[in-house]
Amino acid sequence: MKCQKCGKYEANTHITKIANGVKNEIYLCNHCAENANHSPELESIFKSNFDNFFESFWKSPNLGFIQSGSLRVCDNCKSTISDIQNSGKLGCSQCYKTFSDLLLRPLKDIHGNNTHLGKAPKRLYADINKTNKIETLKQELSRAVEEQNFEEAARLRDRIREMEV
């Protein structure tokens, strides 16, 4: 198949855009695909759909997460919760910490959870499993201490220390 933009070369890149249930596909050659990364028309197609989605979500009257008169400001980017609601975007990564109590419910509504439960790169599975195991052991340690089972608590403490190294 020839490139749908230039029509000169063989297409080897496939871009699919689905917006409002309408699927649009375009096949590009290497040259046109490279230029598409900087193409305002392709950027605007993808950007506008996500912007509108998040903007409409944050402005949903059902959220009720904005406290009127909230004067909290992100120290890093100077965004307020009203700025986030109006733009549909967080100003920076620090905004997650600054407004975490206000963002937890809306983010859970968007993603279905507040922690990542999906796929991860294979090279990270070992780290993720190790972190989860340590967290489980810490919970068991707390229970052992509450039950005054100090021998079990010492064993769990040692096991956690081994894993954290």
N, C-alpha and C. Protein backbone atom coordinates (compact mmCIF):
# COMPACT_ATOMS: atom_id res chain seq x y z
N MET A 1 0.85 -1.18 0.00
CA MET A 1 0.00 0.00 0.00
C MET A 1 0.89 1.24 0.00
N LYS A 2 0.53 2.22 -0.79
CA LYS A 2 1.28 3.48 -0.88
C LYS A 2 0.89 4.40 0.28
N CYS A 3 1.82 5.29 0.62
CA CYS A 3 1.58 6.30 1.65
C CYS A 3 0.37 7.15 1.26
N GLN A 4 -0.53 7.34 2.20
CA GLN A 4 -1.74 8.11 1.91
C GLN A 4 -1.50 9.62 1.95
N LYS A 5 -0.32 10.03 2.38
CA LYS A 5 -0.04 11.47 2.40
C LYS A 5 0.72 11.90 1.15
N CYS A 6 1.84 11.21 0.83
CA CYS A 6 2.63 11.62 -0.33
C CYS A 6 2.35 10.77 -1.57
N GLY A 7 1.91 9.52 -1.36
CA GLY A 7 1.60 8.64 -2.47
C GLY A 7 2.81 8.13 -3.22
N LYS A 8 4.03 8.44 -2.76
CA LYS A 8 5.25 8.06 -3.47
C LYS A 8 5.82 6.73 -2.98
N TYR A 9 5.89 6.57 -1.66
CA TYR A 9 6.61 5.44 -1.09
C TYR A 9 5.63 4.44 -0.46
N GLU A 10 6.18 3.27 -0.16
CA GLU A 10 5.39 2.22 0.48
C GLU A 10 5.09 2.62 1.94
N ALA A 11 3.84 2.47 2.34
CA ALA A 11 3.44 2.81 3.71
C ALA A 11 3.88 1.70 4.66
N ASN A 12 4.49 2.09 5.78
CA ASN A 12 4.90 1.11 6.78
C ASN A 12 4.53 1.54 8.19
N THR A 13 3.80 2.63 8.30
CA THR A 13 3.32 3.13 9.60
C THR A 13 1.81 3.27 9.53
N HIS A 14 1.16 2.78 10.56
CA HIS A 14 -0.30 2.80 10.59
C HIS A 14 -0.73 3.59 11.82
N ILE A 15 -1.53 4.62 11.63
CA ILE A 15 -2.03 5.43 12.73
C ILE A 15 -3.54 5.29 12.75
N THR A 16 -4.08 4.95 13.91
CA THR A 16 -5.53 4.81 14.07
C THR A 16 -5.99 5.82 15.11
N LYS A 17 -7.05 6.51 14.80
CA LYS A 17 -7.66 7.46 15.73
C LYS A 17 -9.14 7.10 15.85
N ILE A 18 -9.58 6.91 17.10
CA ILE A 18 -10.99 6.64 17.34
C ILE A 18 -11.52 7.77 18.19
N ALA A 19 -12.48 8.51 17.67
CA ALA A 19 -13.06 9.62 18.41
C ALA A 19 -14.57 9.55 18.27
N ASN A 20 -15.24 9.58 19.40
CA ASN A 20 -16.71 9.52 19.42
C ASN A 20 -17.23 8.33 18.62
N GLY A 21 -16.53 7.18 18.72
CA GLY A 21 -16.97 5.97 18.05
C GLY A 21 -16.62 5.92 16.57
N VAL A 22 -15.98 6.96 16.04
CA VAL A 22 -15.61 6.98 14.62
C VAL A 22 -14.13 6.64 14.51
N LYS A 23 -13.83 5.61 13.73
CA LYS A 23 -12.46 5.15 13.56
C LYS A 23 -11.87 5.73 12.28
N ASN A 24 -10.73 6.42 12.41
CA ASN A 24 -10.01 6.97 11.26
C ASN A 24 -8.63 6.33 11.23
N GLU A 25 -8.22 5.85 10.06
CA GLU A 25 -6.92 5.23 9.90
C GLU A 25 -6.15 5.93 8.79
N ILE A 26 -4.85 6.00 8.97
CA ILE A 26 -3.99 6.56 7.93
C ILE A 26 -2.72 5.73 7.87
N TYR A 27 -2.26 5.47 6.66
CA TYR A 27 -1.04 4.70 6.42
C TYR A 27 0.00 5.64 5.83
N LEU A 28 1.20 5.68 6.47
CA LEU A 28 2.24 6.61 6.07
C LEU A 28 3.56 5.90 5.80
N CYS A 29 4.39 6.50 4.94
CA CYS A 29 5.75 6.02 4.73
C CYS A 29 6.62 6.55 5.88
N ASN A 30 7.89 6.10 5.94
CA ASN A 30 8.79 6.55 7.00
C ASN A 30 8.92 8.06 7.05
N HIS A 31 9.14 8.67 5.88
CA HIS A 31 9.36 10.11 5.80
C HIS A 31 8.14 10.88 6.33
N CYS A 32 6.97 10.53 5.84
CA CYS A 32 5.76 11.23 6.26
C CYS A 32 5.43 10.96 7.73
N ALA A 33 5.73 9.74 8.20
CA ALA A 33 5.50 9.41 9.61
C ALA A 33 6.41 10.23 10.51
N GLU A 34 7.67 10.42 10.09
CA GLU A 34 8.59 11.24 10.85
C GLU A 34 8.07 12.67 10.95
N ASN A 35 7.64 13.19 9.82
CA ASN A 35 7.10 14.55 9.80
C ASN A 35 5.78 14.65 10.54
N ALA A 36 5.03 13.54 10.60
CA ALA A 36 3.74 13.54 11.30
C ALA A 36 3.93 13.77 12.79
N ASN A 37 5.10 13.35 13.33
CA ASN A 37 5.36 13.58 14.76
C ASN A 37 5.36 15.06 15.07
N HIS A 38 5.69 15.88 14.09
CA HIS A 38 5.74 17.33 14.29
C HIS A 38 4.62 18.03 13.55
N SER A 39 3.71 17.25 13.00
CA SER A 39 2.62 17.81 12.19
C SER A 39 1.54 18.40 13.07
N PRO A 40 1.26 19.70 12.93
CA PRO A 40 0.22 20.31 13.74
C PRO A 40 -1.15 19.66 13.53
N GLU A 41 -1.41 19.21 12.30
CA GLU A 41 -2.74 18.64 12.04
C GLU A 41 -2.93 17.33 12.79
N LEU A 42 -1.90 16.45 12.79
CA LEU A 42 -2.04 15.19 13.55
C LEU A 42 -2.00 15.46 15.04
N GLU A 43 -1.12 16.36 15.47
CA GLU A 43 -1.07 16.70 16.88
C GLU A 43 -2.41 17.21 17.37
N SER A 44 -3.02 18.09 16.58
CA SER A 44 -4.28 18.68 17.02
C SER A 44 -5.40 17.65 17.04
N ILE A 45 -5.37 16.67 16.13
CA ILE A 45 -6.40 15.63 16.13
C ILE A 45 -6.37 14.89 17.46
N PHE A 46 -5.17 14.44 17.85
CA PHE A 46 -5.08 13.65 19.07
C PHE A 46 -5.21 14.52 20.31
N LYS A 47 -4.59 15.68 20.31
CA LYS A 47 -4.61 16.56 21.47
C LYS A 47 -6.02 17.03 21.78
N SER A 48 -6.76 17.45 20.78
CA SER A 48 -8.07 18.02 21.03
C SER A 48 -9.02 16.99 21.65
N ASN A 49 -8.93 15.75 21.22
CA ASN A 49 -9.83 14.74 21.77
C ASN A 49 -9.54 14.49 23.25
N PHE A 50 -8.26 14.40 23.63
CA PHE A 50 -7.94 14.18 25.03
C PHE A 50 -8.24 15.41 25.86
N ASP A 51 -7.92 16.58 25.33
CA ASP A 51 -8.22 17.80 26.07
C ASP A 51 -9.70 17.90 26.35
N ASN A 52 -10.52 17.69 25.34
CA ASN A 52 -11.96 17.79 25.53
C ASN A 52 -12.47 16.76 26.51
N PHE A 53 -11.92 15.54 26.45
CA PHE A 53 -12.36 14.50 27.36
C PHE A 53 -12.10 14.90 28.80
N PHE A 54 -10.85 15.26 29.10
CA PHE A 54 -10.51 15.59 30.47
C PHE A 54 -11.16 16.88 30.94
N GLU A 55 -11.23 17.85 30.04
CA GLU A 55 -11.86 19.11 30.40
C GLU A 55 -13.32 18.88 30.78
N SER A 56 -14.03 18.11 29.98
CA SER A 56 -15.44 17.87 30.29
C SER A 56 -15.57 17.03 31.55
N PHE A 57 -14.62 16.13 31.80
CA PHE A 57 -14.69 15.32 33.01
C PHE A 57 -14.51 16.17 34.25
N TRP A 58 -13.48 17.04 34.25
CA TRP A 58 -13.21 17.86 35.43
C TRP A 58 -14.36 18.83 35.69
N LYS A 59 -15.03 19.27 34.62
CA LYS A 59 -16.11 20.23 34.79
C LYS A 59 -17.44 19.57 35.11
N SER A 60 -17.46 18.26 35.21
CA SER A 60 -18.70 17.55 35.50
C SER A 60 -19.27 18.02 36.83
N PRO A 61 -20.56 18.38 36.87
CA PRO A 61 -21.15 18.87 38.11
C PRO A 61 -21.24 17.79 39.18
N ASN A 62 -21.13 16.52 38.80
CA ASN A 62 -21.26 15.44 39.76
C ASN A 62 -20.01 15.25 40.61
N LEU A 63 -18.89 15.83 40.18
CA LEU A 63 -17.66 15.60 40.92
C LEU A 63 -17.67 16.27 42.28
N GLY A 64 -17.98 17.53 42.31
CA GLY A 64 -18.06 18.25 43.57
C GLY A 64 -16.78 18.22 44.37
N PHE A 65 -15.63 18.11 43.71
CA PHE A 65 -14.39 18.01 44.47
C PHE A 65 -13.75 19.35 44.74
N ILE A 66 -14.25 20.40 44.13
CA ILE A 66 -13.64 21.70 44.34
C ILE A 66 -14.30 22.37 45.53
N GLN A 67 -13.48 22.77 46.45
CA GLN A 67 -13.98 23.47 47.61
C GLN A 67 -13.98 24.96 47.29
N SER A 68 -15.12 25.56 47.37
CA SER A 68 -15.17 26.98 47.03
C SER A 68 -14.30 27.75 48.01
N GLY A 69 -13.58 28.69 47.46
CA GLY A 69 -12.71 29.53 48.28
C GLY A 69 -11.38 28.87 48.62
N SER A 70 -11.09 27.70 48.03
CA SER A 70 -9.83 27.03 48.31
C SER A 70 -8.68 27.89 47.77
N LEU A 71 -7.77 28.27 48.64
CA LEU A 71 -6.67 29.15 48.24
C LEU A 71 -5.36 28.38 48.06
N ARG A 72 -5.43 27.07 48.09
CA ARG A 72 -4.23 26.26 47.94
C ARG A 72 -3.62 26.47 46.56
N VAL A 73 -2.29 26.61 46.52
CA VAL A 73 -1.57 26.86 45.27
C VAL A 73 -0.38 25.90 45.23
N CYS A 74 -0.14 25.32 44.07
CA CYS A 74 1.03 24.45 43.89
C CYS A 74 2.29 25.31 43.98
N ASP A 75 3.20 24.91 44.85
CA ASP A 75 4.45 25.67 45.03
C ASP A 75 5.30 25.68 43.76
N ASN A 76 5.20 24.62 42.96
CA ASN A 76 6.05 24.49 41.79
C ASN A 76 5.55 25.31 40.60
N CYS A 77 4.28 25.14 40.23
CA CYS A 77 3.79 25.78 39.00
C CYS A 77 2.76 26.88 39.26
N LYS A 78 2.40 27.07 40.52
CA LYS A 78 1.45 28.11 40.94
C LYS A 78 0.02 27.87 40.46
N SER A 79 -0.32 26.62 40.09
CA SER A 79 -1.69 26.30 39.69
C SER A 79 -2.59 26.21 40.91
N THR A 80 -3.84 26.56 40.70
CA THR A 80 -4.86 26.38 41.75
C THR A 80 -5.79 25.27 41.30
N ILE A 81 -6.64 24.79 42.20
CA ILE A 81 -7.58 23.74 41.83
C ILE A 81 -8.56 24.27 40.77
N SER A 82 -8.86 25.54 40.80
CA SER A 82 -9.73 26.13 39.77
C SER A 82 -9.05 26.11 38.41
N ASP A 83 -7.73 26.36 38.37
CA ASP A 83 -6.99 26.28 37.11
C ASP A 83 -7.08 24.86 36.53
N ILE A 84 -6.94 23.87 37.40
CA ILE A 84 -7.00 22.48 36.96
C ILE A 84 -8.39 22.16 36.43
N GLN A 85 -9.41 22.63 37.11
CA GLN A 85 -10.77 22.36 36.65
C GLN A 85 -11.04 23.04 35.31
N ASN A 86 -10.57 24.27 35.16
CA ASN A 86 -10.83 25.02 33.93
C ASN A 86 -10.07 24.47 32.73
N SER A 87 -8.83 24.04 32.93
CA SER A 87 -8.03 23.54 31.81
C SER A 87 -8.19 22.04 31.59
N GLY A 88 -8.58 21.33 32.64
CA GLY A 88 -8.67 19.87 32.53
C GLY A 88 -7.32 19.20 32.67
N LYS A 89 -6.29 19.96 33.05
CA LYS A 89 -4.93 19.41 33.15
C LYS A 89 -4.29 19.86 34.45
N LEU A 90 -3.43 19.00 34.99
CA LEU A 90 -2.62 19.40 36.13
C LEU A 90 -1.46 20.23 35.61
N GLY A 91 -1.01 21.18 36.40
CA GLY A 91 0.06 22.06 35.95
C GLY A 91 1.41 21.39 35.91
N CYS A 92 1.67 20.46 36.85
CA CYS A 92 2.95 19.77 36.92
C CYS A 92 2.80 18.53 37.78
N SER A 93 3.89 17.77 37.93
CA SER A 93 3.82 16.55 38.73
C SER A 93 3.62 16.85 40.21
N GLN A 94 4.06 18.00 40.67
CA GLN A 94 3.89 18.38 42.07
C GLN A 94 2.41 18.61 42.42
N CYS A 95 1.60 18.94 41.42
CA CYS A 95 0.16 19.16 41.65
C CYS A 95 -0.51 17.91 42.23
N TYR A 96 -0.02 16.72 41.85
CA TYR A 96 -0.59 15.49 42.39
C TYR A 96 -0.47 15.47 43.91
N LYS A 97 0.68 15.92 44.42
CA LYS A 97 0.89 15.93 45.87
C LYS A 97 0.11 17.07 46.52
N THR A 98 0.18 18.24 45.91
CA THR A 98 -0.47 19.41 46.49
C THR A 98 -1.97 19.24 46.61
N PHE A 99 -2.60 18.68 45.59
CA PHE A 99 -4.05 18.56 45.56
C PHE A 99 -4.53 17.11 45.70
N SER A 100 -3.69 16.24 46.27
CA SER A 100 -4.01 14.81 46.30
C SER A 100 -5.36 14.52 46.94
N ASP A 101 -5.68 15.19 48.03
CA ASP A 101 -6.96 14.91 48.70
C ASP A 101 -8.15 15.29 47.83
N LEU A 102 -7.98 16.27 46.96
CA LEU A 102 -9.07 16.70 46.08
C LEU A 102 -9.12 15.88 44.78
N LEU A 103 -8.01 15.26 44.41
CA LEU A 103 -7.94 14.56 43.13
C LEU A 103 -8.21 13.07 43.22
N LEU A 104 -8.12 12.49 44.41
CA LEU A 104 -8.25 11.04 44.53
C LEU A 104 -9.57 10.53 43.97
N ARG A 105 -10.68 11.14 44.36
CA ARG A 105 -11.98 10.65 43.90
C ARG A 105 -12.16 10.82 42.39
N PRO A 106 -11.87 12.01 41.82
CA PRO A 106 -12.01 12.14 40.37
C PRO A 106 -11.08 11.19 39.59
N LEU A 107 -9.85 11.02 40.07
CA LEU A 107 -8.94 10.12 39.37
C LEU A 107 -9.41 8.67 39.47
N LYS A 108 -9.96 8.32 40.61
CA LYS A 108 -10.51 6.96 40.75
C LYS A 108 -11.70 6.78 39.83
N ASP A 109 -12.51 7.81 39.67
CA ASP A 109 -13.66 7.74 38.76
C ASP A 109 -13.20 7.59 37.31
N ILE A 110 -12.10 8.25 36.94
CA ILE A 110 -11.59 8.16 35.58
C ILE A 110 -10.99 6.78 35.32
N HIS A 111 -10.12 6.33 36.22
CA HIS A 111 -9.33 5.12 35.99
C HIS A 111 -9.90 3.87 36.65
N GLY A 112 -10.83 4.05 37.57
CA GLY A 112 -11.40 2.89 38.26
C GLY A 112 -10.61 2.49 39.49
N ASN A 113 -9.45 3.10 39.71
CA ASN A 113 -8.63 2.78 40.87
C ASN A 113 -7.61 3.89 41.05
N ASN A 114 -7.03 3.96 42.25
CA ASN A 114 -6.01 4.97 42.51
C ASN A 114 -4.60 4.39 42.45
N THR A 115 -4.49 3.09 42.18
CA THR A 115 -3.17 2.48 42.02
C THR A 115 -3.13 1.77 40.67
N HIS A 116 -1.93 1.65 40.13
CA HIS A 116 -1.77 1.01 38.83
C HIS A 116 -1.98 -0.49 38.97
N LEU A 117 -2.93 -1.03 38.20
CA LEU A 117 -3.20 -2.46 38.23
C LEU A 117 -2.97 -3.12 36.88
N GLY A 118 -2.58 -2.35 35.91
CA GLY A 118 -2.44 -2.88 34.55
C GLY A 118 -1.08 -3.49 34.30
N LYS A 119 -0.77 -3.60 33.04
CA LYS A 119 0.48 -4.21 32.62
C LYS A 119 1.65 -3.30 32.94
N ALA A 120 2.79 -3.92 33.06
CA ALA A 120 4.04 -3.19 33.29
C ALA A 120 5.11 -3.86 32.44
N PRO A 121 6.17 -3.14 32.12
CA PRO A 121 7.26 -3.76 31.37
C PRO A 121 7.81 -4.97 32.13
N LYS A 122 8.16 -6.02 31.39
CA LYS A 122 8.62 -7.27 32.01
C LYS A 122 9.79 -7.04 32.95
N ARG A 123 10.67 -6.11 32.60
CA ARG A 123 11.85 -5.88 33.43
C ARG A 123 11.47 -5.32 34.81
N LEU A 124 10.24 -4.80 34.95
CA LEU A 124 9.82 -4.23 36.23
C LEU A 124 9.02 -5.19 37.10
N TYR A 125 8.58 -6.32 36.54
CA TYR A 125 7.76 -7.26 37.31
C TYR A 125 8.44 -7.70 38.60
N ALA A 126 9.74 -7.99 38.55
CA ALA A 126 10.45 -8.44 39.74
C ALA A 126 10.41 -7.35 40.82
N ASP A 127 10.65 -6.10 40.45
CA ASP A 127 10.61 -4.99 41.41
C ASP A 127 9.22 -4.80 41.99
N ILE A 128 8.21 -4.88 41.12
CA ILE A 128 6.83 -4.70 41.58
C ILE A 128 6.43 -5.82 42.53
N ASN A 129 6.78 -7.06 42.18
CA ASN A 129 6.45 -8.20 43.04
C ASN A 129 7.17 -8.08 44.38
N LYS A 130 8.43 -7.64 44.34
CA LYS A 130 9.20 -7.48 45.57
C LYS A 130 8.56 -6.41 46.46
N THR A 131 8.18 -5.29 45.87
CA THR A 131 7.54 -4.21 46.62
C THR A 131 6.23 -4.68 47.23
N ASN A 132 5.43 -5.40 46.46
CA ASN A 132 4.16 -5.91 46.98
C ASN A 132 4.38 -6.91 48.10
N LYS A 133 5.38 -7.77 47.97
CA LYS A 133 5.68 -8.76 49.00
C LYS A 133 6.13 -8.07 50.28
N ILE A 134 6.97 -7.05 50.16
CA ILE A 134 7.43 -6.31 51.35
C ILE A 134 6.24 -5.65 52.04
N GLU A 135 5.35 -5.08 51.25
CA GLU A 135 4.16 -4.43 51.81
C GLU A 135 3.29 -5.44 52.57
N THR A 136 3.13 -6.62 52.01
CA THR A 136 2.36 -7.68 52.67
C THR A 136 3.03 -8.10 53.97
N LEU A 137 4.35 -8.25 53.93
CA LEU A 137 5.09 -8.62 55.15
C LEU A 137 4.98 -7.55 56.23
N LYS A 138 4.98 -6.29 55.84
CA LYS A 138 4.83 -5.21 56.82
C LYS A 138 3.46 -5.25 57.48
N GLN A 139 2.45 -5.58 56.70
CA GLN A 139 1.10 -5.72 57.28
C GLN A 139 1.05 -6.89 58.25
N GLU A 140 1.68 -8.01 57.88
CA GLU A 140 1.75 -9.17 58.78
C GLU A 140 2.52 -8.82 60.04
N LEU A 141 3.60 -8.03 59.89
CA LEU A 141 4.39 -7.61 61.04
C LEU A 141 3.54 -6.78 62.00
N SER A 142 2.75 -5.86 61.46
CA SER A 142 1.88 -5.05 62.32
C SER A 142 0.89 -5.92 63.08
N ARG A 143 0.32 -6.90 62.39
CA ARG A 143 -0.63 -7.81 63.07
C ARG A 143 0.07 -8.62 64.16
N ALA A 144 1.28 -9.09 63.87
CA ALA A 144 2.02 -9.88 64.85
C ALA A 144 2.32 -9.04 66.09
N VAL A 145 2.68 -7.77 65.90
CA VAL A 145 2.97 -6.89 67.04
C VAL A 145 1.69 -6.64 67.84
N GLU A 146 0.58 -6.40 67.15
CA GLU A 146 -0.70 -6.18 67.84
C GLU A 146 -1.10 -7.40 68.66
N GLU A 147 -0.82 -8.59 68.14
CA GLU A 147 -1.16 -9.83 68.83
C GLU A 147 -0.08 -10.22 69.84
N GLN A 148 0.94 -9.41 69.96
CA GLN A 148 2.08 -9.62 70.86
C GLN A 148 2.78 -10.94 70.58
N ASN A 149 2.83 -11.32 69.32
CA ASN A 149 3.56 -12.50 68.88
C ASN A 149 4.94 -12.01 68.43
N PHE A 150 5.82 -11.78 69.41
CA PHE A 150 7.08 -11.10 69.14
C PHE A 150 8.09 -11.98 68.39
N GLU A 151 8.00 -13.29 68.57
CA GLU A 151 8.89 -14.17 67.81
C GLU A 151 8.58 -14.08 66.32
N GLU A 152 7.29 -14.13 65.99
CA GLU A 152 6.87 -14.00 64.59
C GLU A 152 7.22 -12.61 64.06
N ALA A 153 7.04 -11.58 64.91
CA ALA A 153 7.35 -10.21 64.51
C ALA A 153 8.84 -10.07 64.19
N ALA A 154 9.69 -10.68 65.00
CA ALA A 154 11.14 -10.61 64.76
C ALA A 154 11.50 -11.32 63.46
N ARG A 155 10.87 -12.48 63.21
CA ARG A 155 11.13 -13.22 61.98
C ARG A 155 10.72 -12.39 60.76
N LEU A 156 9.54 -11.77 60.84
CA LEU A 156 9.05 -10.94 59.74
C LEU A 156 9.94 -9.71 59.53
N ARG A 157 10.37 -9.10 60.64
CA ARG A 157 11.25 -7.93 60.56
C ARG A 157 12.54 -8.29 59.83
N ASP A 158 13.13 -9.44 60.19
CA ASP A 158 14.37 -9.88 59.56
C ASP A 158 14.15 -10.15 58.07
N ARG A 159 13.04 -10.76 57.76
CA ARG A 159 12.74 -11.08 56.35
C ARG A 159 12.57 -9.79 55.52
N ILE A 160 11.91 -8.79 56.12
CA ILE A 160 11.73 -7.50 55.44
C ILE A 160 13.09 -6.85 55.20
N ARG A 161 13.94 -6.88 56.21
CA ARG A 161 15.29 -6.28 56.07
C ARG A 161 16.07 -6.96 54.97
N GLU A 162 15.98 -8.29 54.89
CA GLU A 162 16.67 -9.04 53.82
C GLU A 162 16.20 -8.59 52.44
N MET A 163 14.89 -8.44 52.30
CA MET A 163 14.32 -8.09 51.01
C MET A 163 14.60 -6.65 50.61
N GLU A 164 14.74 -5.78 51.59
CA GLU A 164 14.95 -4.35 51.29
C GLU A 164 16.39 -4.06 50.88
N VAL A 165 17.27 -4.99 51.08
CA VAL A 165 18.68 -4.78 50.70
C VAL A 165 18.89 -4.95 49.23
